[in-house]
Amino acid sequence: MIKNNNNTVYTDLKKMLETLYDLIMEQTDEIADIKQRMMSLTSNSPKKTGLKGLAEIMGCSTTTAHKWLKTGIIPYIRHGHTFLFDEAEVLEALRNRKSKRPK
């Protein structure tokens, strides 16, 4: 009877550890993605901050830039209240978009 209870505890503990391992691996992948994006932001591609900078990249008004930003298509890094846009990434995202304009 005690042996059966120990096996159950062992099995449950093993499942929890496997789940924890999977979560850690997912976080590791996400950290690697963030690191890659940060590395690309230190490249020679021009950087712009704020909606005004995004509007300059896109050649539109800040209102239109804000609409595009809300769609989730425009890549950015946010540091506090500051948005940092990589011009090459923004232009590539706009070229690869499915819709012609934001809603």
N, C-alpha and C. Protein backbone atom coordinates (compact mmCIF):
# COMPACT_ATOMS: atom_id res chain seq x y z
N MET A 1 0.81 -1.19 0.00
CA MET A 1 0.00 0.00 0.00
C MET A 1 0.87 1.26 0.00
N ILE A 2 1.87 1.31 0.82
CA ILE A 2 2.75 2.47 0.88
C ILE A 2 3.54 2.59 -0.42
N LYS A 3 3.97 1.48 -0.99
CA LYS A 3 4.73 1.49 -2.23
C LYS A 3 3.89 2.09 -3.36
N ASN A 4 2.63 1.74 -3.45
CA ASN A 4 1.74 2.26 -4.48
C ASN A 4 1.61 3.78 -4.34
N ASN A 5 1.49 4.29 -3.11
CA ASN A 5 1.38 5.72 -2.86
C ASN A 5 2.67 6.43 -3.27
N ASN A 6 3.83 5.82 -3.02
CA ASN A 6 5.11 6.40 -3.42
C ASN A 6 5.22 6.48 -4.94
N ASN A 7 4.73 5.47 -5.64
CA ASN A 7 4.76 5.49 -7.11
C ASN A 7 3.89 6.62 -7.65
N THR A 8 2.76 6.85 -7.03
CA THR A 8 1.87 7.93 -7.46
C THR A 8 2.54 9.28 -7.26
N VAL A 9 3.16 9.45 -6.10
CA VAL A 9 3.86 10.70 -5.82
C VAL A 9 5.00 10.89 -6.82
N TYR A 10 5.75 9.85 -7.08
CA TYR A 10 6.85 9.90 -8.04
C TYR A 10 6.34 10.27 -9.43
N THR A 11 5.25 9.64 -9.85
CA THR A 11 4.68 9.91 -11.18
C THR A 11 4.19 11.35 -11.27
N ASP A 12 3.51 11.82 -10.24
CA ASP A 12 3.02 13.20 -10.24
C ASP A 12 4.19 14.19 -10.26
N LEU A 13 5.21 13.93 -9.48
CA LEU A 13 6.38 14.79 -9.44
C LEU A 13 7.08 14.81 -10.79
N LYS A 14 7.19 13.68 -11.41
CA LYS A 14 7.83 13.58 -12.73
C LYS A 14 7.05 14.41 -13.75
N LYS A 15 5.73 14.33 -13.74
CA LYS A 15 4.90 15.11 -14.66
C LYS A 15 5.08 16.61 -14.42
N MET A 16 5.11 17.01 -13.15
CA MET A 16 5.30 18.42 -12.84
C MET A 16 6.66 18.92 -13.32
N LEU A 17 7.69 18.12 -13.13
CA LEU A 17 9.03 18.51 -13.56
C LEU A 17 9.11 18.59 -15.08
N GLU A 18 8.45 17.69 -15.78
CA GLU A 18 8.43 17.73 -17.25
C GLU A 18 7.71 18.99 -17.74
N THR A 19 6.61 19.34 -17.07
CA THR A 19 5.88 20.56 -17.43
C THR A 19 6.74 21.79 -17.18
N LEU A 20 7.41 21.81 -16.05
CA LEU A 20 8.30 22.92 -15.72
C LEU A 20 9.43 23.04 -16.74
N TYR A 21 9.99 21.93 -17.13
CA TYR A 21 11.06 21.91 -18.14
C TYR A 21 10.54 22.50 -19.46
N ASP A 22 9.35 22.10 -19.89
CA ASP A 22 8.77 22.62 -21.13
C ASP A 22 8.56 24.13 -21.04
N LEU A 23 8.09 24.62 -19.90
CA LEU A 23 7.88 26.05 -19.73
C LEU A 23 9.21 26.82 -19.79
N ILE A 24 10.23 26.27 -19.17
CA ILE A 24 11.55 26.90 -19.19
C ILE A 24 12.09 26.94 -20.62
N MET A 25 11.90 25.88 -21.37
CA MET A 25 12.37 25.84 -22.75
C MET A 25 11.63 26.87 -23.61
N GLU A 26 10.32 27.03 -23.39
CA GLU A 26 9.56 28.04 -24.13
C GLU A 26 10.10 29.44 -23.81
N GLN A 27 10.35 29.70 -22.55
CA GLN A 27 10.88 31.00 -22.15
C GLN A 27 12.26 31.23 -22.75
N THR A 28 13.07 30.19 -22.82
CA THR A 28 14.39 30.29 -23.41
C THR A 28 14.28 30.68 -24.88
N ASP A 29 13.33 30.07 -25.59
CA ASP A 29 13.11 30.42 -27.00
C ASP A 29 12.67 31.87 -27.14
N GLU A 30 11.77 32.31 -26.27
CA GLU A 30 11.31 33.70 -26.32
C GLU A 30 12.45 34.67 -26.03
N ILE A 31 13.30 34.33 -25.09
CA ILE A 31 14.46 35.18 -24.77
C ILE A 31 15.39 35.26 -25.97
N ALA A 32 15.59 34.14 -26.65
CA ALA A 32 16.44 34.13 -27.84
C ALA A 32 15.85 35.02 -28.93
N ASP A 33 14.53 34.99 -29.10
CA ASP A 33 13.87 35.85 -30.09
C ASP A 33 14.05 37.33 -29.73
N ILE A 34 13.88 37.65 -28.46
CA ILE A 34 14.05 39.03 -28.02
C ILE A 34 15.49 39.48 -28.23
N LYS A 35 16.42 38.61 -27.92
CA LYS A 35 17.83 38.93 -28.11
C LYS A 35 18.13 39.20 -29.58
N GLN A 36 17.56 38.39 -30.46
CA GLN A 36 17.75 38.58 -31.90
C GLN A 36 17.19 39.92 -32.35
N ARG A 37 16.01 40.29 -31.84
CA ARG A 37 15.42 41.59 -32.20
C ARG A 37 16.28 42.73 -31.68
N MET A 38 16.79 42.59 -30.46
CA MET A 38 17.65 43.63 -29.90
C MET A 38 18.93 43.77 -30.72
N MET A 39 19.47 42.65 -31.17
CA MET A 39 20.67 42.69 -32.00
C MET A 39 20.38 43.40 -33.32
N SER A 40 19.21 43.15 -33.89
CA SER A 40 18.88 43.79 -35.16
C SER A 40 18.69 45.30 -34.96
N LEU A 41 18.27 45.70 -33.79
CA LEU A 41 18.11 47.13 -33.52
C LEU A 41 19.44 47.84 -33.36
N THR A 42 20.49 47.09 -33.11
CA THR A 42 21.80 47.72 -33.01
C THR A 42 22.51 47.71 -34.36
N SER A 43 21.82 47.25 -35.40
CA SER A 43 22.40 47.26 -36.74
C SER A 43 22.47 48.69 -37.25
N ASN A 44 22.91 48.85 -38.48
CA ASN A 44 23.08 50.18 -39.06
C ASN A 44 21.80 50.78 -39.61
N SER A 45 20.70 50.06 -39.53
CA SER A 45 19.42 50.55 -40.03
C SER A 45 18.97 51.74 -39.18
N PRO A 46 18.47 52.80 -39.84
CA PRO A 46 18.02 53.97 -39.07
C PRO A 46 16.91 53.63 -38.08
N LYS A 47 16.95 54.25 -36.91
CA LYS A 47 15.95 54.04 -35.87
C LYS A 47 15.16 55.32 -35.67
N LYS A 48 13.89 55.16 -35.38
CA LYS A 48 13.03 56.31 -35.10
C LYS A 48 12.26 56.01 -33.82
N THR A 49 11.92 57.08 -33.09
CA THR A 49 11.14 56.90 -31.87
C THR A 49 9.80 57.61 -32.00
N GLY A 50 8.82 57.07 -31.31
CA GLY A 50 7.50 57.67 -31.22
C GLY A 50 6.69 57.61 -32.50
N LEU A 51 5.45 58.03 -32.39
CA LEU A 51 4.55 58.02 -33.55
C LEU A 51 5.04 58.95 -34.65
N LYS A 52 5.67 60.04 -34.26
CA LYS A 52 6.19 60.98 -35.25
C LYS A 52 7.28 60.30 -36.09
N GLY A 53 8.15 59.53 -35.45
CA GLY A 53 9.18 58.81 -36.16
C GLY A 53 8.60 57.75 -37.07
N LEU A 54 7.58 57.03 -36.58
CA LEU A 54 6.92 56.01 -37.39
C LEU A 54 6.25 56.66 -38.60
N ALA A 55 5.61 57.80 -38.39
CA ALA A 55 4.96 58.51 -39.49
C ALA A 55 5.99 58.95 -40.53
N GLU A 56 7.18 59.35 -40.08
CA GLU A 56 8.25 59.73 -41.02
C GLU A 56 8.67 58.54 -41.87
N ILE A 57 8.83 57.39 -41.24
CA ILE A 57 9.21 56.17 -41.96
C ILE A 57 8.16 55.83 -43.01
N MET A 58 6.90 55.90 -42.60
CA MET A 58 5.80 55.47 -43.46
C MET A 58 5.36 56.55 -44.45
N GLY A 59 5.75 57.79 -44.20
CA GLY A 59 5.33 58.87 -45.06
C GLY A 59 3.84 59.17 -44.93
N CYS A 60 3.35 59.19 -43.69
CA CYS A 60 1.92 59.41 -43.44
C CYS A 60 1.76 60.29 -42.20
N SER A 61 0.52 60.52 -41.82
CA SER A 61 0.24 61.30 -40.61
C SER A 61 0.46 60.45 -39.37
N THR A 62 0.57 61.11 -38.23
CA THR A 62 0.72 60.37 -36.98
C THR A 62 -0.55 59.59 -36.66
N THR A 63 -1.71 60.10 -37.08
CA THR A 63 -2.98 59.39 -36.86
C THR A 63 -2.97 58.06 -37.62
N THR A 64 -2.54 58.09 -38.88
CA THR A 64 -2.47 56.86 -39.68
C THR A 64 -1.41 55.92 -39.11
N ALA A 65 -0.27 56.46 -38.69
CA ALA A 65 0.78 55.63 -38.09
C ALA A 65 0.25 54.93 -36.85
N HIS A 66 -0.54 55.65 -36.03
CA HIS A 66 -1.11 55.07 -34.82
C HIS A 66 -2.08 53.93 -35.18
N LYS A 67 -2.88 54.13 -36.21
CA LYS A 67 -3.80 53.08 -36.65
C LYS A 67 -3.02 51.83 -37.08
N TRP A 68 -1.95 52.02 -37.82
CA TRP A 68 -1.13 50.87 -38.24
C TRP A 68 -0.49 50.19 -37.03
N LEU A 69 -0.03 50.98 -36.08
CA LEU A 69 0.60 50.42 -34.89
C LEU A 69 -0.39 49.54 -34.13
N LYS A 70 -1.65 49.97 -34.03
CA LYS A 70 -2.68 49.20 -33.32
C LYS A 70 -3.01 47.88 -34.02
N THR A 71 -2.74 47.76 -35.32
CA THR A 71 -3.05 46.51 -36.04
C THR A 71 -2.14 45.37 -35.61
N GLY A 72 -0.97 45.71 -35.05
CA GLY A 72 -0.03 44.68 -34.66
C GLY A 72 0.92 44.29 -35.78
N ILE A 73 0.81 44.92 -36.92
CA ILE A 73 1.66 44.60 -38.07
C ILE A 73 3.04 45.25 -37.93
N ILE A 74 3.08 46.42 -37.33
CA ILE A 74 4.31 47.19 -37.24
C ILE A 74 5.18 46.66 -36.09
N PRO A 75 6.41 46.23 -36.38
CA PRO A 75 7.31 45.75 -35.31
C PRO A 75 7.93 46.93 -34.55
N TYR A 76 8.07 46.76 -33.26
CA TYR A 76 8.67 47.81 -32.44
C TYR A 76 9.22 47.21 -31.16
N ILE A 77 10.04 47.99 -30.51
CA ILE A 77 10.51 47.68 -29.17
C ILE A 77 10.00 48.80 -28.29
N ARG A 78 9.44 48.44 -27.15
CA ARG A 78 8.92 49.46 -26.24
C ARG A 78 9.81 49.49 -25.00
N HIS A 79 10.26 50.68 -24.68
CA HIS A 79 11.07 50.89 -23.48
C HIS A 79 10.37 51.95 -22.66
N GLY A 80 9.65 51.51 -21.63
CA GLY A 80 8.84 52.45 -20.85
C GLY A 80 7.71 52.98 -21.72
N HIS A 81 7.67 54.29 -21.89
CA HIS A 81 6.64 54.90 -22.73
C HIS A 81 7.16 55.20 -24.13
N THR A 82 8.40 54.81 -24.42
CA THR A 82 9.01 55.12 -25.70
C THR A 82 8.94 53.93 -26.64
N PHE A 83 8.50 54.17 -27.87
CA PHE A 83 8.48 53.16 -28.91
C PHE A 83 9.68 53.39 -29.81
N LEU A 84 10.41 52.31 -30.13
CA LEU A 84 11.56 52.40 -31.01
C LEU A 84 11.27 51.56 -32.25
N PHE A 85 11.40 52.16 -33.42
CA PHE A 85 11.09 51.50 -34.68
C PHE A 85 12.35 51.39 -35.52
N ASP A 86 12.58 50.21 -36.07
CA ASP A 86 13.68 49.99 -37.01
C ASP A 86 13.10 50.20 -38.41
N GLU A 87 13.64 51.17 -39.14
CA GLU A 87 13.08 51.54 -40.43
C GLU A 87 12.99 50.35 -41.38
N ALA A 88 14.04 49.54 -41.45
CA ALA A 88 14.04 48.38 -42.36
C ALA A 88 12.95 47.38 -41.98
N GLU A 89 12.78 47.12 -40.68
CA GLU A 89 11.76 46.17 -40.23
C GLU A 89 10.36 46.69 -40.52
N VAL A 90 10.14 47.99 -40.31
CA VAL A 90 8.81 48.57 -40.55
C VAL A 90 8.47 48.47 -42.04
N LEU A 91 9.40 48.85 -42.88
CA LEU A 91 9.14 48.81 -44.32
C LEU A 91 8.91 47.38 -44.81
N GLU A 92 9.67 46.44 -44.26
CA GLU A 92 9.48 45.03 -44.63
C GLU A 92 8.10 44.54 -44.19
N ALA A 93 7.69 44.91 -42.99
CA ALA A 93 6.37 44.50 -42.49
C ALA A 93 5.26 45.07 -43.36
N LEU A 94 5.43 46.30 -43.79
CA LEU A 94 4.42 46.92 -44.64
C LEU A 94 4.37 46.25 -46.02
N ARG A 95 5.52 45.85 -46.53
CA ARG A 95 5.55 45.14 -47.82
C ARG A 95 4.87 43.78 -47.72
N ASN A 96 5.00 43.14 -46.58
CA ASN A 96 4.47 41.78 -46.40
C ASN A 96 3.05 41.74 -45.84
N ARG A 97 2.44 42.87 -45.63
CA ARG A 97 1.10 42.89 -45.01
C ARG A 97 0.06 42.32 -45.97
N LYS A 98 -1.03 41.87 -45.40
CA LYS A 98 -2.13 41.30 -46.19
C LYS A 98 -3.15 42.35 -46.56
N SER A 99 -3.42 43.28 -45.66
CA SER A 99 -4.43 44.30 -45.94
C SER A 99 -3.76 45.55 -46.51
N LYS A 100 -4.52 46.32 -47.22
CA LYS A 100 -4.00 47.53 -47.83
C LYS A 100 -3.99 48.72 -46.88
N ARG A 101 -4.90 48.72 -45.92
CA ARG A 101 -4.95 49.82 -44.98
C ARG A 101 -5.52 49.34 -43.65
N PRO A 102 -5.19 50.06 -42.57
CA PRO A 102 -5.71 49.65 -41.26
C PRO A 102 -7.17 50.02 -41.13
N LYS A 103 -7.84 49.34 -40.20
CA LYS A 103 -9.26 49.61 -39.94
C LYS A 103 -9.43 50.54 -38.78
